[in-house]
């Protein structure tokens, strides 16, 4: 009997210690290392700014209805000491691709195309994987980077041109590229492998041009920018205000260095020029499933996970239609929906939590580097910390969501 009691006691103590360890682990994983509030967030963010590592940037925290915090930091022109503000305009790199997703769903609503159609149904030339010629490439595969079109770094790097020389129609490039022997494919069948491709993304935009009879720039102006009142957003510098455009910088060993940047021929994949105000407005409309953009059915298709576990080499948790579903690269361990953008002199992030409906934006005029990564991490953690502060003050269910999301992300 004494032996039995000892066994029971040891078992209970083991369970208790295991429970305490679990509680400790949960508290550790869900703790807020920044504790940003409305009173201290500006000071916190300023403390993470270093003009030897970041030129200038703007941030925003918001939900579908309200902007809780938005401000610029640093300089749009370091030499002239011109402040970077929420009105400062710059390229946002691959965030631009999200407009291709919305435009595809708008075109589908208009009966111009269907996501699961083969792209060769619409193209004036034929695109076939040479190793899998019997497998059609679909628009949905272009939109999820599973079309087996290779990134083709050599071609992509040759696409930078003066912004004034960009053609609003994608036809010249597409006809030239797909009519040549420079097209490269991955070693995988269409639909089976994730392979990020600017050429594939812009090919989707070109199909919209073919079916709508409008340039992609005109289509997005009519169905995205104008309905949302995005007056400071454009695809070409000629349609922006020179006094509001930023200078660009890349990180050197000792300090950041000014660099010239220009547009690319495949402008829908990179060249959206906007500012924190307009980009916030855009993301708010997506969070709200604003009918000015798309129907509820189209939004559901736009933002739902598209890939299954059989797709190899996914560098993100999942993919929607030109939106990523992933754990943020800058220290946020639970899944959000959005997109990053980057180049040697650009770093941008636009993400929102589909549960709390909170969105977070960072746009900066300096490229990402191992030398400024810590600054980006703490800036983004500060934004999300403020978001947590906002949500926790509303309801304890969001605290549980925070804990659950962080623990799930570790599995």
Protein backbone atom coordinates (compact mmCIF):
# COMPACT_ATOMS: atom_id res chain seq x y z
CA UNK A 1 0.00 0.00 0.00
CA UNK A 2 2.81 2.40 0.88
CA UNK A 3 4.52 1.54 -2.38
CA UNK A 4 1.32 2.29 -4.30
CA UNK A 5 0.95 5.65 -2.57
CA UNK A 6 4.54 6.49 -3.46
CA UNK A 7 3.89 5.64 -7.11
CA UNK A 8 0.73 7.76 -7.15
CA UNK A 9 2.54 10.65 -5.46
CA UNK A 10 5.46 10.51 -7.89
CA UNK A 11 3.03 10.36 -10.81
CA UNK A 12 1.09 13.37 -9.54
CA UNK A 13 4.28 15.35 -8.96
CA UNK A 14 5.47 14.45 -12.46
CA UNK A 15 2.19 15.59 -13.95
CA UNK A 16 2.30 18.80 -11.93
CA UNK A 17 5.85 19.56 -12.98
CA UNK A 18 4.98 18.79 -16.61
CA UNK A 19 1.97 21.11 -16.39
CA UNK A 20 4.07 23.88 -14.85
CA UNK A 21 6.71 23.40 -17.55
CA UNK A 22 4.02 23.65 -20.23
CA UNK A 23 2.58 26.81 -18.68
CA UNK A 24 6.07 28.30 -18.43
CA UNK A 25 6.74 27.41 -22.05
CA UNK A 26 3.46 28.94 -23.21
CA UNK A 27 4.10 32.12 -21.27
CA UNK A 28 7.61 32.34 -22.67
CA UNK A 29 6.52 31.81 -26.24
CA UNK A 30 3.66 34.29 -26.03
CA UNK A 31 5.46 37.01 -24.13
CA UNK A 32 5.79 40.43 -25.65
CA UNK A 33 9.44 41.53 -25.59
CA UNK A 34 8.62 45.07 -26.76
CA UNK A 35 5.39 46.06 -24.99
CA UNK A 36 4.59 48.83 -27.43
CA UNK A 37 1.73 51.16 -26.55
CA UNK A 38 0.31 54.31 -28.11
CA UNK A 39 2.37 56.28 -25.61
CA UNK A 40 5.75 54.71 -26.38
CA UNK A 41 5.58 53.25 -29.90
CA UNK A 42 7.08 56.27 -31.63
CA UNK A 43 9.99 56.36 -29.19
CA UNK A 44 10.48 52.61 -29.55
CA UNK A 45 10.61 52.78 -33.33
CA UNK A 46 12.94 55.78 -33.30
CA UNK A 47 15.32 53.83 -31.07
CA UNK A 48 15.62 51.13 -33.74
CA UNK A 49 16.46 53.64 -36.48
CA UNK A 50 20.09 54.08 -37.48
CA UNK A 51 20.84 56.23 -40.50
CA UNK A 52 24.01 54.22 -41.17
CA UNK A 53 21.78 51.20 -41.78
CA UNK A 54 18.40 52.64 -42.87
CA UNK A 55 17.77 55.71 -44.97
CA UNK A 56 14.08 56.24 -44.34
CA UNK A 57 10.91 54.28 -43.89
CA UNK A 58 7.23 54.53 -43.04
CA UNK A 59 5.07 52.15 -41.03
CA UNK A 60 1.40 51.63 -40.29
CA UNK A 61 -0.78 49.55 -37.96
CA UNK A 62 -4.47 49.37 -38.85
CA UNK A 63 -7.61 47.32 -39.21
CA UNK A 64 -10.30 47.49 -41.89
CA UNK A 65 -11.82 50.68 -40.45
CA UNK A 66 -9.12 52.55 -38.54
CA UNK A 67 -5.46 53.48 -38.77
CA UNK A 68 -4.08 53.18 -35.24
CA UNK A 69 -0.55 54.36 -35.99
CA UNK A 70 1.24 55.63 -39.09
CA UNK A 71 4.45 57.60 -39.29
CA UNK A 72 7.62 58.12 -41.28
CA UNK A 73 11.16 57.92 -39.88
CA UNK A 74 14.57 58.92 -41.19
CA UNK A 75 15.10 60.58 -44.55
CA UNK A 76 13.94 60.24 -48.12
CA UNK A 77 17.08 62.17 -49.07
CA UNK A 78 19.93 61.88 -46.57
CA UNK A 79 22.13 64.47 -48.25
CA UNK A 80 19.40 67.11 -48.34
CA UNK A 81 17.98 65.92 -44.97
CA UNK A 82 14.47 65.63 -46.43
CA UNK A 83 12.33 63.63 -43.98
CA UNK A 84 10.74 60.37 -45.04
CA UNK A 85 7.00 60.74 -44.34
CA UNK A 86 3.85 58.71 -44.88
CA UNK A 87 3.43 60.71 -48.13
CA UNK A 88 6.84 59.73 -49.50
CA UNK A 89 6.53 57.68 -52.69
CA UNK A 90 8.69 54.73 -53.65
CA UNK A 91 8.72 51.39 -55.43
CA UNK A 92 7.32 48.61 -53.25
CA UNK A 93 8.82 45.72 -55.26
CA UNK A 94 6.96 42.39 -55.09
CA UNK A 95 4.01 43.77 -53.13
CA UNK A 96 3.06 44.91 -56.63
CA UNK A 97 2.26 41.29 -57.51
CA UNK A 98 -0.77 41.33 -55.22
CA UNK A 99 -2.45 43.64 -57.74
CA UNK A 100 -2.07 40.89 -60.36
CA UNK A 101 -4.03 38.57 -58.05
CA UNK A 102 -6.86 41.07 -57.61
CA UNK A 103 -6.87 41.84 -61.35
CA UNK A 104 -7.11 38.12 -62.18
CA UNK A 105 -10.15 37.67 -59.95
CA UNK A 106 -11.73 40.83 -61.39
CA UNK A 107 -11.16 39.50 -64.91
CA UNK A 108 -12.68 36.17 -63.87
CA UNK A 109 -15.75 38.00 -62.54
CA UNK A 110 -16.05 39.70 -65.92
CA UNK A 111 -15.97 36.35 -67.72
CA UNK A 112 -12.67 37.15 -69.41
CA UNK A 113 -10.81 34.12 -68.06
CA UNK A 114 -10.90 31.31 -65.51
CA UNK A 115 -8.06 30.52 -63.13
CA UNK A 116 -7.96 26.84 -64.10
CA UNK A 117 -7.84 27.53 -67.84
CA UNK A 118 -4.65 26.56 -69.69
CA UNK A 119 -2.65 29.67 -70.48
CA UNK A 120 -2.30 28.55 -74.10
CA UNK A 121 -6.04 29.13 -74.48
CA UNK A 122 -5.28 32.87 -74.43
CA UNK A 123 -1.70 33.34 -75.62
CA UNK A 124 -0.70 34.18 -79.20
CA UNK A 125 2.27 31.82 -78.76
CA UNK A 126 2.60 28.41 -77.15
CA UNK A 127 4.15 27.77 -73.73
CA UNK A 128 4.96 24.13 -72.98
CA UNK A 129 7.36 22.53 -70.55
CA UNK A 130 9.77 20.59 -72.81
CA UNK A 131 9.95 17.67 -70.37
CA UNK A 132 6.19 17.56 -69.78
CA UNK A 133 4.65 18.82 -73.04
CA UNK A 134 1.39 16.97 -72.42
CA UNK A 135 0.71 18.82 -69.13
CA UNK A 136 -0.96 22.22 -69.61
CA UNK A 137 0.21 25.19 -67.56
CA UNK A 138 -2.74 27.00 -65.97
CA UNK A 139 -3.33 30.58 -64.86
CA UNK A 140 -3.68 29.34 -61.27
CA UNK A 141 -0.20 27.85 -61.49
CA UNK A 142 1.20 31.20 -62.63
CA UNK A 143 -0.57 32.83 -59.67
CA UNK A 144 0.94 30.39 -57.16
CA UNK A 145 4.44 30.16 -58.70
CA UNK A 146 3.94 26.48 -59.56
CA UNK A 147 3.94 26.83 -63.37
CA UNK A 148 7.49 25.40 -63.67
CA UNK A 149 8.69 28.61 -65.32
CA UNK A 150 12.17 29.20 -63.96
CA UNK A 151 13.16 32.47 -62.31
CA UNK A 152 15.74 32.91 -65.11
CA UNK A 153 18.05 35.24 -63.24
CA UNK A 154 20.06 36.16 -66.33
CA UNK A 155 16.98 37.46 -68.11
CA UNK A 156 15.44 39.11 -65.05
CA UNK A 157 18.62 41.05 -64.28
CA UNK A 158 18.65 42.36 -67.86
CA UNK A 159 15.18 43.86 -67.52
CA UNK A 160 16.12 47.03 -65.61
CA UNK A 161 15.57 50.04 -67.83
CA UNK A 162 14.94 53.74 -67.43
CA UNK A 163 11.44 54.26 -66.10
CA UNK A 164 10.68 56.55 -69.02
CA UNK A 165 11.41 53.71 -71.47
CA UNK A 166 8.98 51.23 -69.94
CA UNK A 167 6.21 50.09 -72.24
CA UNK A 168 2.73 50.01 -70.70
CA UNK A 169 2.01 46.94 -72.83
CA UNK A 170 3.75 43.70 -71.92
CA UNK A 171 3.35 42.36 -75.45
CA UNK A 172 6.81 43.32 -76.82
CA UNK A 173 8.66 41.50 -74.06
CA UNK A 174 6.40 38.45 -74.05
CA UNK A 175 6.46 38.00 -77.80
CA UNK A 176 10.24 38.35 -77.85
CA UNK A 177 10.99 36.18 -74.82
CA UNK A 178 8.63 33.28 -75.53
CA UNK A 179 9.53 33.38 -79.20
CA UNK A 180 13.21 32.83 -78.39
CA UNK A 181 15.30 29.93 -77.11
CA UNK A 182 16.06 31.68 -73.79
CA UNK A 183 12.96 30.38 -71.96
CA UNK A 184 13.97 28.20 -69.02
CA UNK A 185 11.88 25.78 -66.96
CA UNK A 186 12.41 23.95 -63.69
CA UNK A 187 12.98 20.19 -63.65
CA UNK A 188 9.52 19.59 -62.23
CA UNK A 189 6.11 19.08 -63.79
CA UNK A 190 3.70 22.05 -63.80
CA UNK A 191 1.76 22.17 -60.54
CA UNK A 192 4.21 20.02 -58.56
CA UNK A 193 6.92 22.47 -57.48
CA UNK A 194 7.08 26.01 -56.08
CA UNK A 195 9.50 28.19 -58.04
CA UNK A 196 9.18 31.96 -57.66
CA UNK A 197 9.05 33.62 -61.08
CA UNK A 198 8.72 37.26 -62.04
CA UNK A 199 8.31 36.19 -65.65
CA UNK A 200 5.44 33.85 -64.72
CA UNK A 201 3.75 36.58 -62.68
CA UNK A 202 3.98 39.08 -65.51
CA UNK A 203 2.72 36.47 -67.97
CA UNK A 204 -0.48 36.35 -65.89
CA UNK A 205 -0.70 40.16 -66.17
CA UNK A 206 -0.20 39.86 -69.93
CA UNK A 207 -3.15 37.46 -70.20
CA UNK A 208 -5.28 40.13 -68.50
CA UNK A 209 -4.10 42.61 -71.13
CA UNK A 210 -5.00 40.22 -73.95
CA UNK A 211 -8.46 39.48 -72.59
CA UNK A 212 -9.41 42.99 -71.50
CA UNK A 213 -7.93 44.90 -74.43
CA UNK A 214 -6.27 47.26 -71.93
CA UNK A 215 -2.73 47.59 -70.66
CA UNK A 216 -2.25 46.13 -67.20
CA UNK A 217 -1.57 49.66 -65.97
CA UNK A 218 -4.91 50.89 -67.30
CA UNK A 219 -6.79 47.83 -66.00
CA UNK A 220 -5.49 48.25 -62.45
CA UNK A 221 -6.05 52.00 -62.57
CA UNK A 222 -9.70 51.43 -63.46
CA UNK A 223 -10.46 48.53 -61.13
CA UNK A 224 -8.11 49.07 -58.15
CA UNK A 225 -6.54 52.51 -57.81
CA UNK A 226 -9.47 54.69 -58.89
CA UNK A 227 -12.16 52.86 -56.87
CA UNK A 228 -10.00 53.08 -53.73
CA UNK A 229 -8.97 56.70 -54.31
CA UNK A 230 -5.27 55.80 -54.47
CA UNK A 231 -4.20 59.11 -56.00
CA UNK A 232 -0.53 58.77 -55.02
CA UNK A 233 -0.11 55.36 -56.66
CA UNK A 234 1.12 54.68 -60.18
CA UNK A 235 3.19 52.31 -62.31
CA UNK A 236 5.28 55.02 -63.99
CA UNK A 237 7.29 57.89 -62.52
CA UNK A 238 5.71 60.35 -64.95
CA UNK A 239 2.44 59.90 -63.03
CA UNK A 240 3.98 60.68 -59.63
CA UNK A 241 5.16 63.84 -57.89
CA UNK A 242 8.96 64.33 -58.16
CA UNK A 243 9.01 66.21 -54.85
CA UNK A 244 7.53 63.20 -53.06
CA UNK A 245 9.73 60.47 -54.56
CA UNK A 246 12.45 59.08 -52.36
CA UNK A 247 16.12 58.52 -53.06
CA UNK A 248 17.32 54.92 -52.67
CA UNK A 249 20.18 53.37 -50.69
CA UNK A 250 21.99 50.10 -50.21
CA UNK A 251 23.96 48.99 -47.18
CA UNK A 252 27.74 49.37 -47.22
CA UNK A 253 30.25 48.17 -44.64
CA UNK A 254 30.27 51.43 -42.71
CA UNK A 255 27.15 53.26 -43.84
CA UNK A 256 24.43 53.20 -46.45
CA UNK A 257 25.30 54.40 -49.93
CA UNK A 258 23.03 56.19 -52.42
CA UNK A 259 22.21 54.21 -55.55
CA UNK A 260 20.18 54.89 -58.66
CA UNK A 261 17.30 52.58 -59.39
CA UNK A 262 14.94 52.41 -62.30
CA UNK A 263 12.00 50.45 -63.57
CA UNK A 264 11.84 47.01 -65.13
CA UNK A 265 10.17 45.90 -68.33
CA UNK A 266 8.00 43.49 -66.34
CA UNK A 267 6.59 46.35 -64.27
CA UNK A 268 3.57 44.46 -62.76
CA UNK A 269 6.01 42.29 -60.80
CA UNK A 270 7.90 45.14 -59.13
CA UNK A 271 7.25 48.73 -60.12
CA UNK A 272 4.23 49.85 -58.14
CA UNK A 273 5.06 53.34 -56.83
CA UNK A 274 3.04 54.32 -53.79
CA UNK A 275 3.26 55.59 -50.23
CA UNK A 276 2.25 54.41 -46.76
CA UNK A 277 -1.11 56.18 -46.92
CA UNK A 278 -2.26 54.61 -50.18
CA UNK A 279 -0.78 51.20 -49.36
CA UNK A 280 -2.63 51.21 -46.05
CA UNK A 281 -5.86 52.11 -47.83
CA UNK A 282 -5.26 49.24 -50.25
CA UNK A 283 -4.61 46.68 -47.52
CA UNK A 284 -7.61 47.90 -45.52
CA UNK A 285 -9.82 47.23 -48.55
CA UNK A 286 -8.46 43.70 -48.76
CA UNK A 287 -9.01 43.05 -45.05
CA UNK A 288 -12.56 44.42 -45.35
CA UNK A 289 -13.25 42.38 -48.52
CA UNK A 290 -14.35 45.67 -50.04
CA UNK A 291 -16.88 45.18 -52.84
CA UNK A 292 -15.31 48.11 -54.65
CA UNK A 293 -12.58 45.60 -55.53
CA UNK A 294 -14.12 42.13 -55.66
CA UNK A 295 -17.13 40.08 -54.67
CA UNK A 296 -17.09 38.06 -51.46
CA UNK A 297 -16.70 34.88 -53.50
CA UNK A 298 -13.70 36.27 -55.35
CA UNK A 299 -12.05 37.45 -52.14
CA UNK A 300 -12.46 33.97 -50.67
CA UNK A 301 -10.70 32.49 -53.69
CA UNK A 302 -8.03 35.20 -53.70
CA UNK A 303 -6.94 34.62 -50.10
CA UNK A 304 -7.47 30.91 -49.45
CA UNK A 305 -4.54 28.43 -49.31
CA UNK A 306 -3.98 27.05 -52.80
CA UNK A 307 -1.18 24.50 -52.33
CA UNK A 308 -1.14 21.05 -50.76
CA UNK A 309 1.69 19.14 -49.13
CA UNK A 310 2.66 17.43 -52.38
CA UNK A 311 4.09 20.67 -53.79
CA UNK A 312 7.85 20.59 -53.28
CA UNK A 313 10.27 23.36 -52.34
CA UNK A 314 7.72 25.71 -50.80
CA UNK A 315 9.66 28.49 -49.11
CA UNK A 316 6.42 29.73 -47.55
CA UNK A 317 3.78 27.89 -45.52
CA UNK A 318 1.25 28.25 -48.31
CA UNK A 319 0.28 30.44 -51.20
CA UNK A 320 -2.93 32.26 -52.11
CA UNK A 321 -3.42 34.02 -55.48
CA UNK A 322 -0.27 36.16 -55.57
CA UNK A 323 -0.51 36.51 -51.79
CA UNK A 324 1.67 34.53 -49.41
CA UNK A 325 0.43 32.76 -46.29
CA UNK A 326 3.44 32.59 -44.04
CA UNK A 327 5.19 33.38 -40.80
CA UNK A 328 6.77 36.77 -41.21
CA UNK A 329 10.50 36.74 -41.92
CA UNK A 330 11.18 39.37 -39.29
CA UNK A 331 10.46 37.59 -36.06
CA UNK A 332 6.69 37.03 -36.13
CA UNK A 333 6.22 33.30 -35.70
CA UNK A 334 2.54 32.91 -36.55
CA UNK A 335 0.86 32.91 -39.92
CA UNK A 336 -0.35 36.04 -41.64
CA UNK A 337 -1.41 36.83 -45.21
CA UNK A 338 0.50 39.29 -47.32
CA UNK A 339 3.66 39.91 -49.28
CA UNK A 340 7.23 41.08 -48.91
CA UNK A 341 9.10 43.12 -51.47
CA UNK A 342 12.80 43.58 -51.90
CA UNK A 343 15.60 44.70 -54.14
CA UNK A 344 19.12 45.96 -53.53
CA UNK A 345 17.66 49.32 -52.44
CA UNK A 346 14.07 48.47 -51.46
CA UNK A 347 12.58 46.63 -48.51
CA UNK A 348 8.82 46.40 -47.98
CA UNK A 349 6.28 44.34 -46.04
CA UNK A 350 2.48 44.25 -46.14
CA UNK A 351 0.81 41.61 -43.94
CA UNK A 352 -2.42 41.13 -42.03
CA UNK A 353 -3.69 38.66 -39.47
CA UNK A 354 -6.93 37.10 -40.79
CA UNK A 355 -8.20 36.48 -37.23
CA UNK A 356 -7.59 39.84 -35.58
CA UNK A 357 -7.98 41.68 -38.91
CA UNK A 358 -4.96 43.80 -38.04
CA UNK A 359 -2.62 44.90 -40.80
CA UNK A 360 1.04 45.93 -40.69
CA UNK A 361 3.04 47.87 -43.28
CA UNK A 362 6.69 48.76 -43.58
CA UNK A 363 8.12 50.46 -46.67
CA UNK A 364 11.74 51.57 -46.76
CA UNK A 365 14.18 53.04 -49.25
CA UNK A 366 17.14 50.85 -48.20
CA UNK A 367 17.74 47.25 -49.22
CA UNK A 368 17.78 44.44 -46.69
CA UNK A 369 21.15 43.17 -45.49
CA UNK A 370 22.62 41.12 -42.68
CA UNK A 371 23.85 44.48 -41.37
CA UNK A 372 20.35 45.95 -40.93
CA UNK A 373 18.30 42.81 -40.40
CA UNK A 374 18.19 43.35 -36.64
CA UNK A 375 16.66 46.80 -37.20
CA UNK A 376 13.94 45.34 -39.42
CA UNK A 377 13.21 42.60 -36.90
CA UNK A 378 12.70 44.98 -34.01
CA UNK A 379 10.75 47.51 -36.05
CA UNK A 380 8.30 44.85 -37.20
CA UNK A 381 8.06 43.30 -33.74
CA UNK A 382 7.21 46.74 -32.40
CA UNK A 383 4.37 47.12 -34.89
CA UNK A 384 2.93 43.73 -34.00
CA UNK A 385 3.42 44.44 -30.31
CA UNK A 386 1.27 47.54 -30.70
CA UNK A 387 -1.29 45.42 -32.52
CA UNK A 388 -1.30 42.94 -29.65
CA UNK A 389 -1.79 45.80 -27.20
CA UNK A 390 -4.79 47.01 -29.21
CA UNK A 391 -6.36 43.56 -29.44
CA UNK A 392 -5.72 42.48 -25.86
CA UNK A 393 -7.47 45.60 -24.61
CA UNK A 394 -10.57 44.55 -26.58
CA UNK A 395 -10.91 40.90 -25.62
CA UNK A 396 -9.04 38.05 -23.94
CA UNK A 397 -9.90 35.80 -26.88
CA UNK A 398 -7.22 37.57 -28.88
CA UNK A 399 -4.62 36.73 -26.26
CA UNK A 400 -5.58 33.09 -26.63
CA UNK A 401 -5.34 33.49 -30.43
CA UNK A 402 -1.87 34.95 -29.97
CA UNK A 403 -0.72 32.04 -27.78
CA UNK A 404 -2.33 29.40 -29.98
CA UNK A 405 -0.87 30.88 -33.17
CA UNK A 406 2.63 31.03 -31.76
CA UNK A 407 2.49 27.46 -30.46
CA UNK A 408 1.00 26.15 -33.69
CA UNK A 409 3.77 27.85 -35.64
CA UNK A 410 6.35 25.79 -33.78
CA UNK A 411 4.82 22.45 -34.79
